[in-house]
Amino acid sequence: SGTNVGIDSSVGVFLDGVYLPLAAATQSDLMDIQTVEILRGPQGTLHGRNTPVGAVNIVTRRPELENNGRASIGYGDFDEINLRGYYNVVLGEQAAARVSVWSRSRDGYQDNVFTGSDVNDYQSQGVRTRLYVAATPQLDLDVIGYYGTVRVRGGVSEQLLVSEPRGIATPGFLAAAAAA
């Protein structure tokens, strides 16, 4: 369903057990994914509505009791820049935190023939934090915070010259349009 807020997807997407209603939320560049589960068939019993075709369950790594981190940077066509990384820090004998950050941007790759500007540019950035505390042998505290933004200008190609050689206008389409 893309990012249309009026249409629910037939496959539910879950990040650490939390339902993500829009596909854009899954476009974050998380580097600390532990597992991805693909569950076929209706999953309404386990995951509720919006799962008649199946579910995708993404599970991220829990903070570890050792300091570590990782970062990556990438560059591509149309000035695409990808930055992402995570850092895991020990906060005590039984506590640790993990912070993941990402940023992706790309210039537009199509020309708007009306305004002359480039369209279909893309920007996203976000941060995800996770705190884990083994408070007692019977109690683990696992708190996750997530914030991300996605901005796309354009996103849909529109053909204005439908009767050009590569246009979508067939003789039947043109006849029906003329009759209407």
Protein backbone atom coordinates (compact mmCIF):
# COMPACT_ATOMS: atom_id res chain seq x y z
CA SER A 1 0.00 0.00 0.00
CA GLY A 2 3.01 2.31 0.02
CA THR A 3 2.48 5.31 2.26
CA ASN A 4 -1.24 5.90 1.63
CA VAL A 5 -2.80 6.42 5.06
CA GLY A 6 -6.20 5.43 3.70
CA ILE A 7 -5.18 1.93 2.62
CA ASP A 8 -4.09 -0.79 5.03
CA SER A 9 -1.56 -3.29 3.79
CA SER A 10 -2.54 -6.96 3.52
CA VAL A 11 0.77 -7.93 5.10
CA GLY A 12 1.33 -6.58 8.61
CA VAL A 13 4.83 -5.28 9.36
CA PHE A 14 6.00 -5.35 12.98
CA LEU A 15 9.18 -3.90 14.47
CA ASP A 16 9.97 -5.44 17.85
CA GLY A 17 6.33 -6.43 18.24
CA VAL A 18 4.92 -2.99 17.36
CA TYR A 19 2.68 -2.73 14.28
CA LEU A 20 3.92 -0.27 11.63
CA PRO A 21 0.86 0.99 9.73
CA LEU A 22 2.82 2.63 6.89
CA ALA A 23 5.49 1.06 4.72
CA ALA A 24 7.65 4.19 4.96
CA ALA A 25 8.46 3.28 8.54
CA THR A 26 10.24 0.16 7.35
CA GLN A 27 12.56 2.18 5.14
CA SER A 28 14.74 3.18 8.06
CA ASP A 29 18.32 1.99 7.79
CA LEU A 30 18.55 -0.07 10.96
CA MET A 31 21.93 -1.76 11.17
CA ASP A 32 21.19 -3.76 14.29
CA ILE A 33 18.58 -6.22 13.06
CA GLN A 34 18.78 -9.60 14.75
CA THR A 35 16.14 -11.53 12.79
CA VAL A 36 13.43 -11.07 10.20
CA GLU A 37 10.52 -13.50 10.31
CA ILE A 38 8.24 -13.98 7.32
CA LEU A 39 4.93 -15.49 8.43
CA ARG A 40 2.76 -16.73 5.55
CA GLY A 41 -1.00 -16.98 5.50
CA PRO A 42 -3.56 -15.27 7.71
CA GLN A 43 -1.95 -14.17 10.97
CA GLY A 44 -4.98 -12.57 12.61
CA THR A 45 -4.91 -14.94 15.57
CA LEU A 46 -1.36 -13.98 16.53
CA HIS A 47 -1.05 -10.44 15.19
CA GLY A 48 -4.58 -9.05 14.84
CA ARG A 49 -6.10 -7.27 11.89
CA ASN A 50 -4.22 -6.17 8.76
CA THR A 51 -2.54 -9.56 8.37
CA PRO A 52 -4.80 -11.56 6.00
CA VAL A 53 -1.89 -12.46 3.70
CA GLY A 54 0.83 -12.73 6.36
CA ALA A 55 3.18 -10.76 8.55
CA VAL A 56 6.77 -9.60 8.62
CA ASN A 57 8.29 -9.43 12.09
CA ILE A 58 11.58 -7.52 12.42
CA VAL A 59 13.45 -8.08 15.68
CA THR A 60 16.37 -5.82 16.59
CA ARG A 61 19.34 -6.68 18.80
CA ARG A 62 19.06 -6.08 22.49
CA PRO A 63 21.81 -3.92 24.03
CA GLU A 64 24.81 -6.00 25.06
CA LEU A 65 27.06 -5.77 28.11
CA GLU A 66 30.07 -4.64 26.07
CA ASN A 67 30.85 -1.38 24.30
CA ASN A 68 30.79 -1.63 20.52
CA GLY A 69 29.61 0.24 17.48
CA ARG A 70 29.57 0.41 13.74
CA ALA A 71 29.13 3.11 11.12
CA SER A 72 28.87 3.24 7.34
CA ILE A 73 28.75 5.93 4.72
CA GLY A 74 27.75 5.62 1.08
CA TYR A 75 27.53 7.84 -1.96
CA GLY A 76 25.61 7.24 -5.19
CA ASP A 77 24.05 8.76 -8.28
CA PHE A 78 22.11 12.03 -7.99
CA ASP A 79 24.17 12.99 -4.92
CA GLU A 80 22.73 10.16 -2.86
CA ILE A 81 24.31 10.11 0.59
CA ASN A 82 23.69 7.32 3.11
CA LEU A 83 24.90 7.62 6.68
CA ARG A 84 24.05 5.09 9.34
CA GLY A 85 25.45 3.60 12.47
CA TYR A 86 24.89 2.37 15.98
CA TYR A 87 26.69 2.48 19.28
CA ASN A 88 26.21 0.12 22.21
CA VAL A 89 27.29 1.40 25.63
CA VAL A 90 27.42 -0.39 28.99
CA LEU A 91 25.70 1.59 31.75
CA GLY A 92 26.45 -0.74 34.67
CA GLU A 93 26.72 -4.41 35.60
CA GLN A 94 23.19 -5.18 34.44
CA ALA A 95 22.35 -2.27 32.13
CA ALA A 96 23.21 -1.24 28.58
CA ALA A 97 21.88 1.06 25.87
CA ARG A 98 22.03 1.03 22.08
CA VAL A 99 21.52 4.07 19.86
CA SER A 100 21.00 3.72 16.10
CA VAL A 101 20.98 6.71 13.74
CA TRP A 102 20.53 7.06 10.00
CA SER A 103 20.25 9.70 7.33
CA ARG A 104 19.64 9.25 3.62
CA SER A 105 19.19 11.89 0.95
CA ARG A 106 19.09 11.98 -2.84
CA ASP A 107 18.52 14.77 -5.35
CA GLY A 108 15.64 14.53 -7.79
CA TYR A 109 16.21 12.47 -10.91
CA GLN A 110 13.34 13.68 -13.11
CA ASP A 111 12.62 17.08 -14.58
CA ASN A 112 9.28 18.77 -13.98
CA VAL A 113 8.59 20.09 -17.49
CA PHE A 114 6.22 22.73 -16.13
CA THR A 115 8.49 24.32 -13.49
CA GLY A 116 11.89 23.13 -14.72
CA SER A 117 12.84 21.84 -11.28
CA ASP A 118 14.01 18.35 -10.36
CA VAL A 119 11.50 16.05 -8.67
CA ASN A 120 11.60 12.67 -6.92
CA ASP A 121 14.13 13.75 -4.36
CA TYR A 122 14.25 11.85 -1.09
CA GLN A 123 15.24 12.61 2.49
CA SER A 124 14.94 10.44 5.58
CA GLN A 125 16.53 10.51 8.97
CA GLY A 126 15.88 8.98 12.31
CA VAL A 127 17.10 7.75 15.63
CA ARG A 128 16.22 4.67 17.62
CA THR A 129 17.28 4.08 21.22
CA ARG A 130 16.95 0.98 23.31
CA LEU A 131 17.65 0.64 27.04
CA TYR A 132 17.94 -2.78 28.68
CA VAL A 133 18.17 -3.33 32.43
CA ALA A 134 18.20 -6.73 34.14
CA ALA A 135 16.61 -5.32 37.31
CA THR A 136 16.11 -8.63 39.14
CA PRO A 137 16.33 -12.29 38.13
CA GLN A 138 12.57 -12.16 37.51
CA LEU A 139 12.34 -8.71 35.91
CA ASP A 140 13.96 -7.35 32.73
CA LEU A 141 13.26 -3.79 31.64
CA ASP A 142 13.44 -3.19 27.87
CA VAL A 143 12.49 0.32 26.73
CA ILE A 144 12.58 1.33 23.04
CA GLY A 145 12.17 4.81 21.56
CA TYR A 146 11.95 5.46 17.81
CA TYR A 147 11.64 8.62 15.75
CA GLY A 148 12.01 8.99 12.01
CA THR A 149 10.97 11.21 9.15
CA VAL A 150 10.62 10.53 5.44
CA ARG A 151 10.15 13.28 2.87
CA VAL A 152 9.66 12.54 -0.83
CA ARG A 153 8.87 15.28 -3.32
CA GLY A 154 7.27 13.82 -6.42
CA GLY A 155 7.24 10.06 -6.25
CA VAL A 156 4.80 9.44 -9.08
CA SER A 157 5.60 9.76 -12.76
CA GLU A 158 2.88 11.27 -14.90
CA GLN A 159 2.94 11.01 -18.65
CA LEU A 160 1.62 14.18 -20.22
CA LEU A 161 2.11 13.34 -23.91
CA VAL A 162 -0.01 10.19 -24.09
CA SER A 163 -0.03 9.98 -27.90
CA GLU A 164 3.79 10.00 -28.26
CA PRO A 165 5.40 6.76 -29.56
CA ARG A 166 6.04 5.64 -25.97
CA GLY A 167 2.72 6.98 -24.73
CA ILE A 168 -0.07 4.94 -23.21
CA ALA A 169 -2.71 5.99 -25.76
CA THR A 170 -3.82 3.09 -27.93
CA PRO A 171 -6.15 3.62 -30.91
CA GLY A 172 -9.02 2.24 -28.80
CA PHE A 173 -8.22 4.63 -25.95
CA LEU A 174 -8.07 7.62 -28.33
CA ALA A 175 -11.39 6.63 -29.96
CA ALA A 176 -13.08 6.29 -26.56
CA ALA A 177 -11.67 9.65 -25.45
CA ALA A 178 -12.91 11.34 -28.62
CA ALA A 179 -16.37 9.78 -28.18
CA ALA A 180 -16.56 10.96 -24.60
